[in-house]
Protein backbone atom coordinates (compact mmCIF):
# COMPACT_ATOMS: atom_id res chain seq x y z
CA UNK A 1 0.00 0.00 0.00
CA UNK A 2 1.14 3.52 -0.68
CA UNK A 3 1.11 6.67 1.43
CA UNK A 4 0.65 10.20 0.20
CA UNK A 5 2.37 13.21 1.69
CA UNK A 6 1.79 16.86 1.10
CA UNK A 7 4.92 18.78 2.10
CA UNK A 8 5.05 22.54 1.92
CA UNK A 9 8.32 24.31 2.63
CA UNK A 10 8.28 27.93 3.66
CA UNK A 11 10.91 30.47 2.81
CA UNK A 12 13.57 31.71 5.21
CA UNK A 13 13.40 35.46 5.67
CA UNK A 14 16.57 37.53 5.30
CA UNK A 15 20.12 36.52 6.06
CA UNK A 16 20.45 33.72 8.57
CA UNK A 17 16.71 33.10 8.42
CA UNK A 18 15.10 29.77 9.10
CA UNK A 19 12.21 28.05 7.39
CA UNK A 20 9.55 25.45 8.11
CA UNK A 21 8.50 22.26 6.36
CA UNK A 22 5.05 20.98 7.23
CA UNK A 23 2.72 18.43 5.76
CA UNK A 24 0.05 15.79 6.20
CA UNK A 25 0.37 12.03 5.83
CA UNK A 26 -2.65 10.23 4.33
CA UNK A 27 -3.47 6.65 3.46
CA UNK A 28 -4.62 5.61 -0.05
CA UNK A 29 -8.26 6.37 0.81
CA UNK A 30 -7.40 9.92 1.90
CA UNK A 31 -7.68 9.20 5.61
CA UNK A 32 -5.12 10.94 7.82
CA UNK A 33 -2.56 8.80 9.60
CA UNK A 34 -1.46 9.55 13.14
CA UNK A 35 1.72 8.48 14.97
CA UNK A 36 3.65 7.99 11.71
CA UNK A 37 7.40 8.62 11.84
CA UNK A 38 8.62 11.38 9.50
CA UNK A 39 12.33 12.13 9.11
CA UNK A 40 13.92 15.16 7.48
CA UNK A 41 17.61 15.13 6.65
CA UNK A 42 20.38 16.75 4.67
CA UNK A 43 23.00 14.09 3.87
CA UNK A 44 25.66 16.67 2.96
CA UNK A 45 25.56 18.50 6.31
CA UNK A 46 24.54 15.46 8.38
CA UNK A 47 21.47 17.33 9.69
CA UNK A 48 18.59 15.07 10.73
CA UNK A 49 15.35 15.42 12.73
CA UNK A 50 12.44 13.09 13.37
CA UNK A 51 8.81 13.87 14.19
CA UNK A 52 5.58 11.90 14.55
CA UNK A 53 2.32 12.92 12.93
CA UNK A 54 -0.41 14.24 15.23
CA UNK A 55 -4.07 13.16 15.42
CA UNK A 56 -4.77 15.09 12.19
CA UNK A 57 -1.86 13.43 10.34
CA UNK A 58 0.22 16.63 10.45
CA UNK A 59 3.94 17.04 11.02
CA UNK A 60 6.04 20.20 11.32
CA UNK A 61 9.77 20.82 11.16
CA UNK A 62 10.54 24.41 12.09
CA UNK A 63 13.67 26.52 12.44
CA UNK A 64 15.37 24.83 9.45
CA UNK A 65 18.39 26.50 7.85
CA UNK A 66 17.99 27.21 4.12
CA UNK A 67 19.07 24.01 2.34
CA UNK A 68 17.74 21.11 0.30
CA UNK A 69 16.23 18.34 2.46
CA UNK A 70 15.12 14.75 2.05
CA UNK A 71 11.90 13.61 3.77
CA UNK A 72 11.31 9.95 4.60
CA UNK A 73 7.96 8.64 5.88
CA UNK A 74 7.77 5.18 7.46
CA UNK A 75 4.44 3.61 8.40
CA UNK A 76 3.98 -0.06 9.20
CA UNK A 77 2.22 -1.91 6.39
CA UNK A 78 3.01 0.79 3.82
CA UNK A 79 5.82 1.35 1.35
CA UNK A 80 8.38 3.92 2.56
CA UNK A 81 7.74 7.29 0.96
CA UNK A 82 10.57 9.71 0.12
CA UNK A 83 10.41 13.32 -1.11
CA UNK A 84 12.91 16.13 -1.67
CA UNK A 85 12.11 19.70 -0.62
CA UNK A 86 14.02 22.99 -0.56
CA UNK A 87 13.95 25.55 2.22
CA UNK A 88 15.06 28.88 0.77
C-alpha atoms as a PDB file:
ATOM      1  CA  UNK A   1       0.000   0.000   0.000  1.00  0.00           C
ATOM      2  CA  UNK A   2       1.136   3.520  -0.675  1.00  0.00           C
ATOM      3  CA  UNK A   3       1.113   6.674   1.431  1.00  0.00           C
ATOM      4  CA  UNK A   4       0.653  10.196   0.202  1.00  0.00           C
ATOM      5  CA  UNK A   5       2.368  13.205   1.686  1.00  0.00           C
ATOM      6  CA  UNK A   6       1.789  16.865   1.101  1.00  0.00           C
ATOM      7  CA  UNK A   7       4.919  18.785   2.097  1.00  0.00           C
ATOM      8  CA  UNK A   8       5.050  22.543   1.917  1.00  0.00           C
ATOM      9  CA  UNK A   9       8.322  24.307   2.628  1.00  0.00           C
ATOM     10  CA  UNK A  10       8.277  27.934   3.665  1.00  0.00           C
ATOM     11  CA  UNK A  11      10.911  30.469   2.809  1.00  0.00           C
ATOM     12  CA  UNK A  12      13.570  31.713   5.205  1.00  0.00           C
ATOM     13  CA  UNK A  13      13.399  35.456   5.667  1.00  0.00           C
ATOM     14  CA  UNK A  14      16.567  37.528   5.303  1.00  0.00           C
ATOM     15  CA  UNK A  15      20.123  36.522   6.062  1.00  0.00           C
ATOM     16  CA  UNK A  16      20.450  33.722   8.574  1.00  0.00           C
ATOM     17  CA  UNK A  17      16.710  33.104   8.419  1.00  0.00           C
ATOM     18  CA  UNK A  18      15.099  29.772   9.095  1.00  0.00           C
ATOM     19  CA  UNK A  19      12.208  28.049   7.388  1.00  0.00           C
ATOM     20  CA  UNK A  20       9.554  25.450   8.110  1.00  0.00           C
ATOM     21  CA  UNK A  21       8.503  22.256   6.361  1.00  0.00           C
ATOM     22  CA  UNK A  22       5.050  20.979   7.233  1.00  0.00           C
ATOM     23  CA  UNK A  23       2.722  18.434   5.755  1.00  0.00           C
ATOM     24  CA  UNK A  24       0.049  15.793   6.196  1.00  0.00           C
ATOM     25  CA  UNK A  25       0.370  12.027   5.830  1.00  0.00           C
ATOM     26  CA  UNK A  26      -2.647  10.234   4.330  1.00  0.00           C
ATOM     27  CA  UNK A  27      -3.470   6.646   3.457  1.00  0.00           C
ATOM     28  CA  UNK A  28      -4.617   5.607  -0.047  1.00  0.00           C
ATOM     29  CA  UNK A  29      -8.265   6.371   0.811  1.00  0.00           C
ATOM     30  CA  UNK A  30      -7.403   9.921   1.899  1.00  0.00           C
ATOM     31  CA  UNK A  31      -7.679   9.203   5.614  1.00  0.00           C
ATOM     32  CA  UNK A  32      -5.125  10.939   7.815  1.00  0.00           C
ATOM     33  CA  UNK A  33      -2.559   8.800   9.603  1.00  0.00           C
ATOM     34  CA  UNK A  34      -1.462   9.552  13.139  1.00  0.00           C
ATOM     35  CA  UNK A  35       1.719   8.482  14.971  1.00  0.00           C
ATOM     36  CA  UNK A  36       3.649   7.989  11.714  1.00  0.00           C
ATOM     37  CA  UNK A  37       7.396   8.622  11.839  1.00  0.00           C
ATOM     38  CA  UNK A  38       8.617  11.376   9.500  1.00  0.00           C
ATOM     39  CA  UNK A  39      12.330  12.129   9.106  1.00  0.00           C
ATOM     40  CA  UNK A  40      13.922  15.161   7.481  1.00  0.00           C
ATOM     41  CA  UNK A  41      17.614  15.132   6.650  1.00  0.00           C
ATOM     42  CA  UNK A  42      20.381  16.749   4.673  1.00  0.00           C
ATOM     43  CA  UNK A  43      22.999  14.094   3.868  1.00  0.00           C
ATOM     44  CA  UNK A  44      25.662  16.669   2.962  1.00  0.00           C
ATOM     45  CA  UNK A  45      25.564  18.497   6.311  1.00  0.00           C
ATOM     46  CA  UNK A  46      24.539  15.463   8.380  1.00  0.00           C
ATOM     47  CA  UNK A  47      21.474  17.327   9.689  1.00  0.00           C
ATOM     48  CA  UNK A  48      18.587  15.072  10.733  1.00  0.00           C
ATOM     49  CA  UNK A  49      15.347  15.425  12.730  1.00  0.00           C
ATOM     50  CA  UNK A  50      12.444  13.087  13.368  1.00  0.00           C
ATOM     51  CA  UNK A  51       8.814  13.866  14.194  1.00  0.00           C
ATOM     52  CA  UNK A  52       5.583  11.904  14.550  1.00  0.00           C
ATOM     53  CA  UNK A  53       2.324  12.916  12.934  1.00  0.00           C
ATOM     54  CA  UNK A  54      -0.409  14.239  15.231  1.00  0.00           C
ATOM     55  CA  UNK A  55      -4.066  13.160  15.416  1.00  0.00           C
ATOM     56  CA  UNK A  56      -4.774  15.087  12.186  1.00  0.00           C
ATOM     57  CA  UNK A  57      -1.858  13.435  10.340  1.00  0.00           C
ATOM     58  CA  UNK A  58       0.219  16.631  10.453  1.00  0.00           C
ATOM     59  CA  UNK A  59       3.938  17.043  11.021  1.00  0.00           C
ATOM     60  CA  UNK A  60       6.040  20.203  11.324  1.00  0.00           C
ATOM     61  CA  UNK A  61       9.771  20.815  11.163  1.00  0.00           C
ATOM     62  CA  UNK A  62      10.540  24.410  12.092  1.00  0.00           C
ATOM     63  CA  UNK A  63      13.675  26.521  12.438  1.00  0.00           C
ATOM     64  CA  UNK A  64      15.365  24.832   9.453  1.00  0.00           C
ATOM     65  CA  UNK A  65      18.386  26.502   7.852  1.00  0.00           C
ATOM     66  CA  UNK A  66      17.987  27.213   4.118  1.00  0.00           C
ATOM     67  CA  UNK A  67      19.070  24.006   2.340  1.00  0.00           C
ATOM     68  CA  UNK A  68      17.736  21.115   0.296  1.00  0.00           C
ATOM     69  CA  UNK A  69      16.230  18.344   2.456  1.00  0.00           C
ATOM     70  CA  UNK A  70      15.122  14.749   2.051  1.00  0.00           C
ATOM     71  CA  UNK A  71      11.897  13.615   3.775  1.00  0.00           C
ATOM     72  CA  UNK A  72      11.307   9.948   4.604  1.00  0.00           C
ATOM     73  CA  UNK A  73       7.962   8.636   5.878  1.00  0.00           C
ATOM     74  CA  UNK A  74       7.768   5.177   7.457  1.00  0.00           C
ATOM     75  CA  UNK A  75       4.436   3.607   8.400  1.00  0.00           C
ATOM     76  CA  UNK A  76       3.980  -0.058   9.204  1.00  0.00           C
ATOM     77  CA  UNK A  77       2.225  -1.908   6.390  1.00  0.00           C
ATOM     78  CA  UNK A  78       3.012   0.785   3.816  1.00  0.00           C
ATOM     79  CA  UNK A  79       5.818   1.347   1.350  1.00  0.00           C
ATOM     80  CA  UNK A  80       8.379   3.915   2.562  1.00  0.00           C
ATOM     81  CA  UNK A  81       7.743   7.294   0.963  1.00  0.00           C
ATOM     82  CA  UNK A  82      10.567   9.707   0.121  1.00  0.00           C
ATOM     83  CA  UNK A  83      10.411  13.317  -1.107  1.00  0.00           C
ATOM     84  CA  UNK A  84      12.912  16.126  -1.666  1.00  0.00           C
ATOM     85  CA  UNK A  85      12.112  19.704  -0.618  1.00  0.00           C
ATOM     86  CA  UNK A  86      14.025  22.987  -0.565  1.00  0.00           C
ATOM     87  CA  UNK A  87      13.952  25.554   2.222  1.00  0.00           C
ATOM     88  CA  UNK A  88      15.058  28.878   0.769  1.00  0.00           C
END
